[in-house]
Amino acid sequence: MKFAISLPQECSDGAFDPDAFAAYARRAEELGFDSAWTQEQVLGPWPQLGALETMTFAAACTSRLRIGCSVFVSPLHQPVQLAKSLATLDQLSRGRLEIGFGTGGHGRPFAAFGIGPDHLVSRFTEGIQVMKACWTEPEATLDGRFWQLKGATMEPKPFQKPYPPLWIGGSAPAAVRRAARVADGFFGAGSTTTARFAEQVQVLRAALAEHGAKPDAKPVAKPDAKPDDSGPAEFPVAKRVYIAVDEDTGRARERMAAALVNVYGSAFGSGLLPVTVLGPPDACAQGLREVAGAGAGMILLTALFDQAVQMERLAAEVLPQLS
């Protein structure tokens, strides 16, 4: 079982404290977290720093901690430019990048990004195809529906070969099956209950078996692999968990409910309290055991308030119960 931690991104205008952020990232590394992750929100009322820039800052503050985003809403990006940015960050971090992609659903303000909502999944999958071509081919040629490449060269390639671990996030069965086809791992959403996540894992296992892979294994090249040095590795499954450690469960529920509305808005966020894990350390440990039992090999611990304090409590009081 691996445990990851969310990076602090909430920041009102002028309030960013670089020293505090750097201390948080370094402390996450000292505490032994496997990786640290961002979320992406370009437009919205929640004051959130950009995912890629936050990842870059965190990478510069650390030396071992892997850095990821769950997830980039990739249809809203130009894939060649995104591929370049991600390859650059993987080089700058010396191969510590994790990449999560998702469609983002049809509720996005597509017109603000110069696209329409039609053919969202086709745009998503073709965009990934474009990025993979840029990352792996000396001269990429692709005659796609949305993008065309003709002898295009992108250098340097990502530090990790053939490219950084690629996760697909989503909730619908189609998104889960898509992960088995085009990605190296599946990332369950924080807005999904543990019971629903368990159902998604079963869909994923069936899809992996259908595509000729064992349910728990898929060939994935090692970051430093030579052409003949790759082998089977687990197809990783992860889940984001919104968590709050507090002896006063009622207080934790109130603070978490307000934070979820702040992040997701009242229409959606007000109904998300059942997806959370909160309360005293023993209760939090039990909630995480249930997530692991549902199929998560990595759990992304996401505190929505008092993040530095919560990280310390998780490391000292909750995670030792799961070792």
C-alpha atoms as a PDB file:
ATOM      1  CA  MET A   1       0.000   0.000   0.000  1.00  0.00           C
ATOM      2  CA  LYS A   2       1.276   3.427  -0.978  1.00  0.00           C
ATOM      3  CA  PHE A   3       0.111   6.702   0.495  1.00  0.00           C
ATOM      4  CA  ALA A   4       0.185  10.026  -1.312  1.00  0.00           C
ATOM      5  CA  ILE A   5      -0.628  13.515  -0.068  1.00  0.00           C
ATOM      6  CA  SER A   6      -2.263  16.495  -1.737  1.00  0.00           C
ATOM      7  CA  LEU A   7      -0.255  19.656  -2.296  1.00  0.00           C
ATOM      8  CA  PRO A   8      -1.682  22.933  -0.940  1.00  0.00           C
ATOM      9  CA  GLN A   9      -3.221  24.876  -3.832  1.00  0.00           C
ATOM     10  CA  GLU A  10      -5.825  27.100  -2.226  1.00  0.00           C
ATOM     11  CA  CYS A  11      -4.426  30.606  -2.352  1.00  0.00           C
ATOM     12  CA  SER A  12      -6.182  33.963  -2.343  1.00  0.00           C
ATOM     13  CA  ASP A  13      -4.621  36.833  -4.266  1.00  0.00           C
ATOM     14  CA  GLY A  14      -1.219  37.757  -2.822  1.00  0.00           C
ATOM     15  CA  ALA A  15      -1.346  35.177  -0.025  1.00  0.00           C
ATOM     16  CA  PHE A  16       1.102  32.567  -1.331  1.00  0.00           C
ATOM     17  CA  ASP A  17       3.860  31.784   1.172  1.00  0.00           C
ATOM     18  CA  PRO A  18       6.735  30.118  -0.725  1.00  0.00           C
ATOM     19  CA  ASP A  19       8.606  29.171   2.432  1.00  0.00           C
ATOM     20  CA  ALA A  20       5.565  27.487   3.965  1.00  0.00           C
ATOM     21  CA  PHE A  21       4.832  25.632   0.734  1.00  0.00           C
ATOM     22  CA  ALA A  22       8.435  24.449   0.429  1.00  0.00           C
ATOM     23  CA  ALA A  23       8.410  23.317   4.058  1.00  0.00           C
ATOM     24  CA  TYR A  24       5.199  21.350   3.460  1.00  0.00           C
ATOM     25  CA  ALA A  25       6.611  19.603   0.384  1.00  0.00           C
ATOM     26  CA  ARG A  26       9.890  18.754   2.117  1.00  0.00           C
ATOM     27  CA  ARG A  27       8.043  17.503   5.182  1.00  0.00           C
ATOM     28  CA  ALA A  28       5.876  15.243   3.010  1.00  0.00           C
ATOM     29  CA  GLU A  29       9.096  13.782   1.641  1.00  0.00           C
ATOM     30  CA  GLU A  30      10.568  13.352   5.142  1.00  0.00           C
ATOM     31  CA  LEU A  31       7.428  11.602   6.355  1.00  0.00           C
ATOM     32  CA  GLY A  32       7.784   9.008   3.613  1.00  0.00           C
ATOM     33  CA  PHE A  33       4.825   9.798   1.383  1.00  0.00           C
ATOM     34  CA  ASP A  34       5.236   8.175  -2.017  1.00  0.00           C
ATOM     35  CA  SER A  35       3.978  11.149  -4.007  1.00  0.00           C
ATOM     36  CA  ALA A  36       2.259  14.534  -3.817  1.00  0.00           C
ATOM     37  CA  TRP A  37      -0.572  15.564  -6.120  1.00  0.00           C
ATOM     38  CA  THR A  38      -2.399  18.589  -7.443  1.00  0.00           C
ATOM     39  CA  GLN A  39      -5.844  19.107  -8.938  1.00  0.00           C
ATOM     40  CA  GLU A  40      -6.686  21.243 -11.965  1.00  0.00           C
ATOM     41  CA  GLN A  41      -9.241  24.046 -11.970  1.00  0.00           C
ATOM     42  CA  VAL A  42      -8.685  26.867 -14.455  1.00  0.00           C
ATOM     43  CA  LEU A  43     -12.007  28.681 -14.082  1.00  0.00           C
ATOM     44  CA  GLY A  44     -14.039  28.690 -10.893  1.00  0.00           C
ATOM     45  CA  PRO A  45     -14.613  30.625  -7.660  1.00  0.00           C
ATOM     46  CA  TRP A  46     -12.294  28.468  -5.538  1.00  0.00           C
ATOM     47  CA  PRO A  47      -8.923  30.302  -5.453  1.00  0.00           C
ATOM     48  CA  GLN A  48      -6.653  27.521  -6.656  1.00  0.00           C
ATOM     49  CA  LEU A  49      -3.102  27.737  -7.992  1.00  0.00           C
ATOM     50  CA  GLY A  50      -2.418  26.209 -11.397  1.00  0.00           C
ATOM     51  CA  ALA A  51      -1.641  22.495 -11.329  1.00  0.00           C
ATOM     52  CA  LEU A  52       1.437  22.429 -13.549  1.00  0.00           C
ATOM     53  CA  GLU A  53       3.079  25.437 -11.912  1.00  0.00           C
ATOM     54  CA  THR A  54       2.424  24.050  -8.421  1.00  0.00           C
ATOM     55  CA  MET A  55       3.917  20.710  -9.452  1.00  0.00           C
ATOM     56  CA  THR A  56       7.012  22.452 -10.800  1.00  0.00           C
ATOM     57  CA  PHE A  57       7.520  24.411  -7.578  1.00  0.00           C
ATOM     58  CA  ALA A  58       7.100  21.235  -5.515  1.00  0.00           C
ATOM     59  CA  ALA A  59       9.571  19.343  -7.678  1.00  0.00           C
ATOM     60  CA  ALA A  60      12.153  22.090  -7.154  1.00  0.00           C
ATOM     61  CA  CYS A  61      11.703  21.852  -3.360  1.00  0.00           C
ATOM     62  CA  THR A  62      12.196  18.083  -3.142  1.00  0.00           C
ATOM     63  CA  SER A  63      14.477  15.345  -4.405  1.00  0.00           C
ATOM     64  CA  ARG A  64      12.633  12.025  -3.972  1.00  0.00           C
ATOM     65  CA  LEU A  65       8.932  12.784  -3.783  1.00  0.00           C
ATOM     66  CA  ARG A  66       7.039  11.933  -6.948  1.00  0.00           C
ATOM     67  CA  ILE A  67       4.791  14.727  -8.254  1.00  0.00           C
ATOM     68  CA  GLY A  68       1.458  14.271  -9.999  1.00  0.00           C
ATOM     69  CA  CYS A  69      -1.839  15.795 -11.075  1.00  0.00           C
ATOM     70  CA  SER A  70      -5.170  14.045 -10.721  1.00  0.00           C
ATOM     71  CA  VAL A  71      -6.328  15.087 -13.170  1.00  0.00           C
ATOM     72  CA  PHE A  72      -5.527  17.365 -16.076  1.00  0.00           C
ATOM     73  CA  VAL A  73      -8.756  17.967 -18.010  1.00  0.00           C
ATOM     74  CA  SER A  74      -6.805  17.271 -21.166  1.00  0.00           C
ATOM     75  CA  PRO A  75      -9.499  18.054 -23.808  1.00  0.00           C
ATOM     76  CA  LEU A  76      -9.210  21.698 -22.690  1.00  0.00           C
ATOM     77  CA  HIS A  77      -5.471  21.681 -23.526  1.00  0.00           C
ATOM     78  CA  GLN A  78      -3.614  21.800 -26.830  1.00  0.00           C
ATOM     79  CA  PRO A  79      -1.949  18.357 -26.660  1.00  0.00           C
ATOM     80  CA  VAL A  80       1.372  19.247 -28.296  1.00  0.00           C
ATOM     81  CA  GLN A  81       1.939  22.118 -25.879  1.00  0.00           C
ATOM     82  CA  LEU A  82       0.841  20.007 -22.899  1.00  0.00           C
ATOM     83  CA  ALA A  83       3.155  17.201 -24.023  1.00  0.00           C
ATOM     84  CA  LYS A  84       6.073  19.640 -24.130  1.00  0.00           C
ATOM     85  CA  SER A  85       5.327  21.036 -20.679  1.00  0.00           C
ATOM     86  CA  LEU A  86       5.040  17.580 -19.133  1.00  0.00           C
ATOM     87  CA  ALA A  87       8.182  16.270 -20.835  1.00  0.00           C
ATOM     88  CA  THR A  88      10.042  19.333 -19.559  1.00  0.00           C
ATOM     89  CA  LEU A  89       8.835  18.837 -15.986  1.00  0.00           C
ATOM     90  CA  ASP A  90       9.808  15.168 -16.118  1.00  0.00           C
ATOM     91  CA  GLN A  91      13.314  16.207 -17.170  1.00  0.00           C
ATOM     92  CA  LEU A  92      13.553  18.942 -14.524  1.00  0.00           C
ATOM     93  CA  SER A  93      12.423  16.539 -11.781  1.00  0.00           C
ATOM     94  CA  ARG A  94      14.726  13.768 -13.027  1.00  0.00           C
ATOM     95  CA  GLY A  95      11.873  11.389 -13.720  1.00  0.00           C
ATOM     96  CA  ARG A  96       9.512  11.994 -10.790  1.00  0.00           C
ATOM     97  CA  LEU A  97       6.403  12.930 -12.768  1.00  0.00           C
ATOM     98  CA  GLU A  98       3.024  11.161 -12.617  1.00  0.00           C
ATOM     99  CA  ILE A  99       0.356  12.215 -15.120  1.00  0.00           C
ATOM    100  CA  GLY A 100      -3.418  11.969 -14.669  1.00  0.00           C
ATOM    101  CA  PHE A 101      -5.866  12.753 -17.450  1.00  0.00           C
ATOM    102  CA  GLY A 102      -9.646  12.978 -17.477  1.00  0.00           C
ATOM    103  CA  THR A 103     -12.359  14.234 -19.809  1.00  0.00           C
ATOM    104  CA  GLY A 104     -13.824  16.513 -17.157  1.00  0.00           C
ATOM    105  CA  GLY A 105     -17.379  15.709 -18.239  1.00  0.00           C
ATOM    106  CA  HIS A 106     -19.755  17.803 -20.306  1.00  0.00           C
ATOM    107  CA  GLY A 107     -20.335  20.515 -17.699  1.00  0.00           C
ATOM    108  CA  ARG A 108     -17.197  22.491 -18.558  1.00  0.00           C
ATOM    109  CA  PRO A 109     -17.203  26.026 -20.090  1.00  0.00           C
ATOM    110  CA  PHE A 110     -15.860  24.713 -23.396  1.00  0.00           C
ATOM    111  CA  ALA A 111     -16.392  27.974 -25.298  1.00  0.00           C
ATOM    112  CA  ALA A 112     -13.896  29.697 -23.004  1.00  0.00           C
ATOM    113  CA  PHE A 113     -11.250  27.296 -24.318  1.00  0.00           C
ATOM    114  CA  GLY A 114     -12.172  27.657 -27.974  1.00  0.00           C
ATOM    115  CA  ILE A 115     -13.812  24.254 -28.380  1.00  0.00           C
ATOM    116  CA  GLY A 116     -17.286  22.774 -28.250  1.00  0.00           C
ATOM    117  CA  PRO A 117     -18.710  19.956 -26.129  1.00  0.00           C
ATOM    118  CA  ASP A 118     -19.237  17.607 -29.049  1.00  0.00           C
ATOM    119  CA  HIS A 119     -16.995  14.562 -29.561  1.00  0.00           C
ATOM    120  CA  LEU A 120     -15.464  15.027 -26.104  1.00  0.00           C
ATOM    121  CA  VAL A 121     -14.254  11.442 -25.720  1.00  0.00           C
ATOM    122  CA  SER A 122     -12.847  11.329 -29.257  1.00  0.00           C
ATOM    123  CA  ARG A 123     -10.948  14.550 -28.597  1.00  0.00           C
ATOM    124  CA  PHE A 124      -9.703  13.131 -25.291  1.00  0.00           C
ATOM    125  CA  THR A 125      -8.381   9.859 -26.702  1.00  0.00           C
ATOM    126  CA  GLU A 126      -6.851  11.482 -29.778  1.00  0.00           C
ATOM    127  CA  GLY A 127      -5.134  14.069 -27.602  1.00  0.00           C
ATOM    128  CA  ILE A 128      -3.485  11.278 -25.609  1.00  0.00           C
ATOM    129  CA  GLN A 129      -2.441   9.633 -28.860  1.00  0.00           C
ATOM    130  CA  VAL A 130      -0.816  12.894 -29.974  1.00  0.00           C
ATOM    131  CA  MET A 131       1.077  13.253 -26.676  1.00  0.00           C
ATOM    132  CA  LYS A 132       2.314   9.666 -26.745  1.00  0.00           C
ATOM    133  CA  ALA A 133       3.537  10.150 -30.316  1.00  0.00           C
ATOM    134  CA  CYS A 134       5.442  13.297 -29.350  1.00  0.00           C
ATOM    135  CA  TRP A 135       6.992  11.506 -26.368  1.00  0.00           C
ATOM    136  CA  THR A 136       8.053   8.322 -28.136  1.00  0.00           C
ATOM    137  CA  GLU A 137       8.567   8.830 -31.869  1.00  0.00           C
ATOM    138  CA  PRO A 138      11.662  10.462 -33.426  1.00  0.00           C
ATOM    139  CA  GLU A 139       9.396  12.010 -36.047  1.00  0.00           C
ATOM    140  CA  ALA A 140       5.701  11.812 -35.283  1.00  0.00           C
ATOM    141  CA  THR A 141       3.144  11.620 -38.070  1.00  0.00           C
ATOM    142  CA  LEU A 142      -0.544  11.479 -37.270  1.00  0.00           C
ATOM    143  CA  ASP A 143      -3.550  12.302 -39.438  1.00  0.00           C
ATOM    144  CA  GLY A 144      -6.220  12.723 -36.810  1.00  0.00           C
ATOM    145  CA  ARG A 145      -9.689  14.149 -36.674  1.00  0.00           C
ATOM    146  CA  PHE A 146      -8.635  17.110 -34.542  1.00  0.00           C
ATOM    147  CA  TRP A 147      -4.843  17.294 -34.872  1.00  0.00           C
ATOM    148  CA  GLN A 148      -2.320  16.474 -37.564  1.00  0.00           C
ATOM    149  CA  LEU A 149       1.396  15.876 -37.216  1.00  0.00           C
ATOM    150  CA  LYS A 150       3.773  15.404 -40.121  1.00  0.00           C
ATOM    151  CA  GLY A 151       7.339  14.476 -39.250  1.00  0.00           C
ATOM    152  CA  ALA A 152       7.045  16.418 -35.987  1.00  0.00           C
ATOM    153  CA  THR A 153       9.975  16.161 -33.590  1.00  0.00           C
ATOM    154  CA  MET A 154       9.841  16.938 -29.878  1.00  0.00           C
ATOM    155  CA  GLU A 155      13.047  16.955 -27.861  1.00  0.00           C
ATOM    156  CA  PRO A 156      13.918  16.254 -25.195  1.00  0.00           C
ATOM    157  CA  LYS A 157      11.607  13.337 -24.626  1.00  0.00           C
ATOM    158  CA  PRO A 158      10.456  12.643 -21.058  1.00  0.00           C
ATOM    159  CA  PHE A 159      13.138  11.429 -18.668  1.00  0.00           C
ATOM    160  CA  GLN A 160      11.046   8.312 -17.935  1.00  0.00           C
ATOM    161  CA  LYS A 161      10.729   5.876 -20.809  1.00  0.00           C
ATOM    162  CA  PRO A 162       8.603   5.554 -22.763  1.00  0.00           C
ATOM    163  CA  TYR A 163       6.841   8.329 -20.814  1.00  0.00           C
ATOM    164  CA  PRO A 164       5.759   9.026 -17.206  1.00  0.00           C
ATOM    165  CA  PRO A 165       3.115   6.776 -15.638  1.00  0.00           C
ATOM    166  CA  LEU A 166      -0.207   7.747 -17.172  1.00  0.00           C
ATOM    167  CA  TRP A 167      -3.363   7.516 -15.081  1.00  0.00           C
ATOM    168  CA  ILE A 168      -6.948   7.903 -16.240  1.00  0.00           C
ATOM    169  CA  GLY A 169      -9.404   9.354 -13.759  1.00  0.00           C
ATOM    170  CA  GLY A 170     -13.155   9.113 -13.977  1.00  0.00           C
ATOM    171  CA  SER A 171     -16.312   7.648 -12.528  1.00  0.00           C
ATOM    172  CA  ALA A 172     -18.418   6.261 -15.370  1.00  0.00           C
ATOM    173  CA  PRO A 173     -17.859   2.623 -16.430  1.00  0.00           C
ATOM    174  CA  ALA A 174     -16.755   3.825 -19.872  1.00  0.00           C
ATOM    175  CA  ALA A 175     -14.006   5.927 -18.293  1.00  0.00           C
ATOM    176  CA  VAL A 176     -12.850   2.963 -16.222  1.00  0.00           C
ATOM    177  CA  ARG A 177     -12.683   0.728 -19.290  1.00  0.00           C
ATOM    178  CA  ARG A 178     -10.845   3.480 -21.156  1.00  0.00           C
ATOM    179  CA  ALA A 179      -8.122   3.388 -18.514  1.00  0.00           C
ATOM    180  CA  ALA A 180      -7.498  -0.277 -19.302  1.00  0.00           C
ATOM    181  CA  ARG A 181      -7.077   0.551 -22.991  1.00  0.00           C
ATOM    182  CA  VAL A 182      -4.938   3.678 -23.014  1.00  0.00           C
ATOM    183  CA  ALA A 183      -3.350   4.196 -19.584  1.00  0.00           C
ATOM    184  CA  ASP A 184      -1.022   2.618 -17.046  1.00  0.00           C
ATOM    185  CA  GLY A 185      -3.322   3.054 -14.057  1.00  0.00           C
ATOM    186  CA  PHE A 186      -6.801   4.059 -12.870  1.00  0.00           C
ATOM    187  CA  PHE A 187      -7.452   6.873 -10.390  1.00  0.00           C
ATOM    188  CA  GLY A 188     -10.759   6.864  -8.535  1.00  0.00           C
ATOM    189  CA  ALA A 189     -12.268  10.265  -7.860  1.00  0.00           C
ATOM    190  CA  GLY A 190     -12.526  11.802  -4.419  1.00  0.00           C
ATOM    191  CA  SER A 191     -16.206  12.424  -5.097  1.00  0.00           C
ATOM    192  CA  THR A 192     -16.848   8.655  -5.327  1.00  0.00           C
ATOM    193  CA  THR A 193     -17.924   6.566  -2.353  1.00  0.00           C
ATOM    194  CA  THR A 194     -15.864   3.540  -1.339  1.00  0.00           C
ATOM    195  CA  ALA A 195     -18.695   1.219  -2.378  1.00  0.00           C
ATOM    196  CA  ARG A 196     -18.899   2.802  -5.815  1.00  0.00           C
ATOM    197  CA  PHE A 197     -15.119   2.646  -6.135  1.00  0.00           C
ATOM    198  CA  ALA A 198     -15.231  -1.107  -5.410  1.00  0.00           C
ATOM    199  CA  GLU A 199     -17.651  -1.501  -8.324  1.00  0.00           C
ATOM    200  CA  GLN A 200     -15.310   0.473 -10.573  1.00  0.00           C
ATOM    201  CA  VAL A 201     -12.396  -1.801  -9.679  1.00  0.00           C
ATOM    202  CA  GLN A 202     -14.435  -4.811 -10.763  1.00  0.00           C
ATOM    203  CA  VAL A 203     -15.196  -3.125 -14.089  1.00  0.00           C
ATOM    204  CA  LEU A 204     -11.483  -2.374 -14.486  1.00  0.00           C
ATOM    205  CA  ARG A 205     -10.416  -5.957 -13.774  1.00  0.00           C
ATOM    206  CA  ALA A 206     -12.893  -7.263 -16.329  1.00  0.00           C
ATOM    207  CA  ALA A 207     -11.643  -4.759 -18.912  1.00  0.00           C
ATOM    208  CA  LEU A 208      -7.999  -5.675 -18.303  1.00  0.00           C
ATOM    209  CA  ALA A 209      -8.795  -9.355 -18.697  1.00  0.00           C
ATOM    210  CA  GLU A 210     -10.734  -8.568 -21.871  1.00  0.00           C
ATOM    211  CA  HIS A 211      -7.719  -6.780 -23.336  1.00  0.00           C
ATOM    212  CA  GLY A 212      -5.473  -9.762 -22.801  1.00  0.00           C
ATOM    213  CA  ALA A 213      -3.855  -8.643 -19.555  1.00  0.00           C
ATOM    214  CA  LYS A 214      -4.099 -10.320 -16.206  1.00  0.00           C
ATOM    215  CA  PRO A 215      -6.464  -8.411 -13.918  1.00  0.00           C
ATOM    216  CA  ASP A 216      -3.603  -7.245 -11.708  1.00  0.00           C
ATOM    217  CA  ALA A 217      -0.804  -6.977 -14.232  1.00  0.00           C
ATOM    218  CA  LYS A 218       0.075  -5.042 -17.336  1.00  0.00           C
ATOM    219  CA  PRO A 219       3.437  -4.686 -19.101  1.00  0.00           C
ATOM    220  CA  VAL A 220       4.854  -1.308 -18.137  1.00  0.00           C
ATOM    221  CA  ALA A 221       8.416  -0.224 -18.947  1.00  0.00           C
ATOM    222  CA  LYS A 222      10.577   0.764 -16.011  1.00  0.00           C
ATOM    223  CA  PRO A 223      11.668   4.441 -15.972  1.00  0.00           C
ATOM    224  CA  ASP A 224      15.247   3.499 -16.864  1.00  0.00           C
ATOM    225  CA  ALA A 225      14.444   0.444 -18.951  1.00  0.00           C
ATOM    226  CA  LYS A 226      16.256  -0.544 -22.096  1.00  0.00           C
ATOM    227  CA  PRO A 227      14.163  -2.057 -24.929  1.00  0.00           C
ATOM    228  CA  ASP A 228      14.700  -5.573 -23.552  1.00  0.00           C
ATOM    229  CA  ASP A 229      14.360  -4.591 -19.880  1.00  0.00           C
ATOM    230  CA  SER A 230      10.609  -4.302 -19.398  1.00  0.00           C
ATOM    231  CA  GLY A 231       8.328  -6.715 -17.685  1.00  0.00           C
ATOM    232  CA  PRO A 232       4.982  -7.140 -16.025  1.00  0.00           C
ATOM    233  CA  ALA A 233       4.029  -4.768 -13.265  1.00  0.00           C
ATOM    234  CA  GLU A 234       0.800  -4.270 -11.402  1.00  0.00           C
ATOM    235  CA  PHE A 235      -1.761  -2.143 -13.154  1.00  0.00           C
ATOM    236  CA  PRO A 236      -1.977   0.418 -10.352  1.00  0.00           C
ATOM    237  CA  VAL A 237      -5.275   1.519  -8.878  1.00  0.00           C
ATOM    238  CA  ALA A 238      -5.542   4.628  -6.725  1.00  0.00           C
ATOM    239  CA  LYS A 239      -8.235   6.696  -5.071  1.00  0.00           C
ATOM    240  CA  ARG A 240      -8.402  10.210  -3.718  1.00  0.00           C
ATOM    241  CA  VAL A 241      -9.888  10.343  -0.218  1.00  0.00           C
ATOM    242  CA  TYR A 242     -11.046  13.553   1.437  1.00  0.00           C
ATOM    243  CA  ILE A 243     -10.011  13.103   5.059  1.00  0.00           C
ATOM    244  CA  ALA A 244     -10.059  14.978   8.376  1.00  0.00           C
ATOM    245  CA  VAL A 245      -8.560  13.691  11.630  1.00  0.00           C
ATOM    246  CA  ASP A 246     -10.395  15.130  14.640  1.00  0.00           C
ATOM    247  CA  GLU A 247     -11.500  13.626  17.964  1.00  0.00           C
ATOM    248  CA  ASP A 248     -14.680  15.701  17.617  1.00  0.00           C
ATOM    249  CA  THR A 249     -16.458  13.963  14.732  1.00  0.00           C
ATOM    250  CA  GLY A 250     -19.235  16.532  14.623  1.00  0.00           C
ATOM    251  CA  ARG A 251     -16.753  19.357  14.216  1.00  0.00           C
ATOM    252  CA  ALA A 252     -14.936  17.441  11.501  1.00  0.00           C
ATOM    253  CA  ARG A 253     -18.194  16.901   9.624  1.00  0.00           C
ATOM    254  CA  GLU A 254     -19.106  20.583   9.801  1.00  0.00           C
ATOM    255  CA  ARG A 255     -15.714  21.762   8.578  1.00  0.00           C
ATOM    256  CA  MET A 256     -15.551  19.135   5.842  1.00  0.00           C
ATOM    257  CA  ALA A 257     -19.083  19.936   4.624  1.00  0.00           C
ATOM    258  CA  ALA A 258     -18.214  23.625   4.333  1.00  0.00           C
ATOM    259  CA  ALA A 259     -14.943  22.835   2.555  1.00  0.00           C
ATOM    260  CA  LEU A 260     -16.632  20.557   0.005  1.00  0.00           C
ATOM    261  CA  VAL A 261     -19.116  23.297  -0.863  1.00  0.00           C
ATOM    262  CA  ASN A 262     -16.204  25.696  -1.219  1.00  0.00           C
ATOM    263  CA  VAL A 263     -14.487  23.358  -3.684  1.00  0.00           C
ATOM    264  CA  TYR A 264     -17.424  21.925  -5.631  1.00  0.00           C
ATOM    265  CA  GLY A 265     -20.149  24.526  -5.145  1.00  0.00           C
ATOM    266  CA  SER A 266     -23.355  24.100  -3.169  1.00  0.00           C
ATOM    267  CA  ALA A 267     -25.262  22.182  -5.856  1.00  0.00           C
ATOM    268  CA  PHE A 268     -22.797  19.284  -5.924  1.00  0.00           C
ATOM    269  CA  GLY A 269     -20.592  19.714  -2.876  1.00  0.00           C
ATOM    270  CA  SER A 270     -23.467  19.708  -0.380  1.00  0.00           C
ATOM    271  CA  GLY A 271     -24.110  16.019  -1.124  1.00  0.00           C
ATOM    272  CA  LEU A 272     -20.522  14.784  -0.911  1.00  0.00           C
ATOM    273  CA  LEU A 273     -20.078  14.249   2.822  1.00  0.00           C
ATOM    274  CA  PRO A 274     -20.689  10.464   2.477  1.00  0.00           C
ATOM    275  CA  VAL A 275     -17.526  10.116   0.351  1.00  0.00           C
ATOM    276  CA  THR A 276     -15.270  11.415   3.137  1.00  0.00           C
ATOM    277  CA  VAL A 277     -13.294   9.711   5.879  1.00  0.00           C
ATOM    278  CA  LEU A 278     -13.260  11.679   9.130  1.00  0.00           C
ATOM    279  CA  GLY A 279     -13.196  11.521  12.899  1.00  0.00           C
ATOM    280  CA  PRO A 280     -10.686  10.183  15.436  1.00  0.00           C
ATOM    281  CA  PRO A 281      -7.539   8.400  14.206  1.00  0.00           C
ATOM    282  CA  ASP A 282      -9.047   4.920  14.688  1.00  0.00           C
ATOM    283  CA  ALA A 283     -12.092   5.821  12.603  1.00  0.00           C
ATOM    284  CA  CYS A 284      -9.927   7.307   9.871  1.00  0.00           C
ATOM    285  CA  ALA A 285      -7.739   4.206   9.812  1.00  0.00           C
ATOM    286  CA  GLN A 286     -10.814   2.016   9.429  1.00  0.00           C
ATOM    287  CA  GLY A 287     -12.114   4.154   6.586  1.00  0.00           C
ATOM    288  CA  LEU A 288      -8.799   3.849   4.767  1.00  0.00           C
ATOM    289  CA  ARG A 289      -8.750   0.083   5.330  1.00  0.00           C
ATOM    290  CA  GLU A 290     -12.096  -0.074   3.554  1.00  0.00           C
ATOM    291  CA  VAL A 291     -10.731   1.917   0.610  1.00  0.00           C
ATOM    292  CA  ALA A 292      -7.742  -0.421   0.403  1.00  0.00           C
ATOM    293  CA  GLY A 293     -10.042  -3.416   0.648  1.00  0.00           C
ATOM    294  CA  ALA A 294     -12.065  -2.054  -2.252  1.00  0.00           C
ATOM    295  CA  GLY A 295      -8.978  -2.297  -4.447  1.00  0.00           C
ATOM    296  CA  ALA A 296      -6.815   0.787  -3.978  1.00  0.00           C
ATOM    297  CA  GLY A 297      -3.081   0.159  -4.069  1.00  0.00           C
ATOM    298  CA  MET A 298      -2.440   3.852  -3.470  1.00  0.00           C
ATOM    299  CA  ILE A 299      -4.556   6.306  -1.480  1.00  0.00           C
ATOM    300  CA  LEU A 300      -4.246  10.038  -2.085  1.00  0.00           C
ATOM    301  CA  LEU A 301      -4.972  11.698   1.260  1.00  0.00           C
ATOM    302  CA  THR A 302      -6.602  15.066   0.691  1.00  0.00           C
ATOM    303  CA  ALA A 303      -7.223  17.411   3.596  1.00  0.00           C
ATOM    304  CA  LEU A 304      -9.313  20.442   2.723  1.00  0.00           C
ATOM    305  CA  PHE A 305      -8.285  22.497   5.763  1.00  0.00           C
ATOM    306  CA  ASP A 306      -5.325  22.679   8.172  1.00  0.00           C
ATOM    307  CA  GLN A 307      -3.307  20.730   5.633  1.00  0.00           C
ATOM    308  CA  ALA A 308       0.077  20.809   7.380  1.00  0.00           C
ATOM    309  CA  VAL A 309      -1.451  19.799  10.722  1.00  0.00           C
ATOM    310  CA  GLN A 310      -3.533  17.094   9.088  1.00  0.00           C
ATOM    311  CA  MET A 311      -0.496  15.679   7.286  1.00  0.00           C
ATOM    312  CA  GLU A 312       1.377  15.358  10.585  1.00  0.00           C
ATOM    313  CA  ARG A 313      -1.558  13.666  12.300  1.00  0.00           C
ATOM    314  CA  LEU A 314      -2.075  11.279   9.421  1.00  0.00           C
ATOM    315  CA  ALA A 315       1.577  10.259   9.467  1.00  0.00           C
ATOM    316  CA  ALA A 316       1.797   9.920  13.239  1.00  0.00           C
ATOM    317  CA  GLU A 317      -1.635   8.625  14.272  1.00  0.00           C
ATOM    318  CA  VAL A 318      -3.397   7.029  11.311  1.00  0.00           C
ATOM    319  CA  LEU A 319      -0.974   5.460   8.845  1.00  0.00           C
ATOM    320  CA  PRO A 320       0.981   3.449  11.478  1.00  0.00           C
ATOM    321  CA  GLN A 321      -2.276   1.552  12.118  1.00  0.00           C
ATOM    322  CA  LEU A 322      -2.257   0.417   8.488  1.00  0.00           C
ATOM    323  CA  SER A 323       1.305  -0.877   8.284  1.00  0.00           C
END
